[in-house]
């Protein structure tokens, strides 16, 4: 259950805080190599740095629009399992719980490395213990909602719900 909740939180955080990652197109190798050369050229001002590239360094050219579209489709975002569910479930938390639940994922995406509870508490400007309690309360609320929804789905599948009859 905890892994499912963490997956939903990460999915929602990625949707909110890193939308550009999904639309990233890799630059051609020659462009990525030429950029440092031009930066060094402007820094050194007196020396001329230059780079030449052979055809072996470049990706195959896209002769037609169809080829270019097919190439670009490789960089389309993968379907995020549970995104609609996460978009519905997570905003139902109280404001402080929502901030505590989302802060670690936000910092992880922004800094591109894992963060400690103390760093997240400093980011939220709350004591570490308060952050932990708010996060636990938020995760418990999410867990409770997921259990309720799973129970409802099970009852609907088994058709054990009671029909309202007139007496």
Foldseek 3Di string as FASTA:
>chain_A
DLVVLLLLLLLQLCVPQPPVQLQDDDDWQVVVVVVVQVVVCVVVVPDHDDDDDDPVRGDDDQPDPVSVVVVSVVSHGDDRPCNVVSVPQLVVDDPLLSLLQNQQSNCCVVVVHGDDLCVSCVVVVHDSVVSVVSPVVSSVSSVVVVVVVVVVVVCVVVVVDDDDDDD
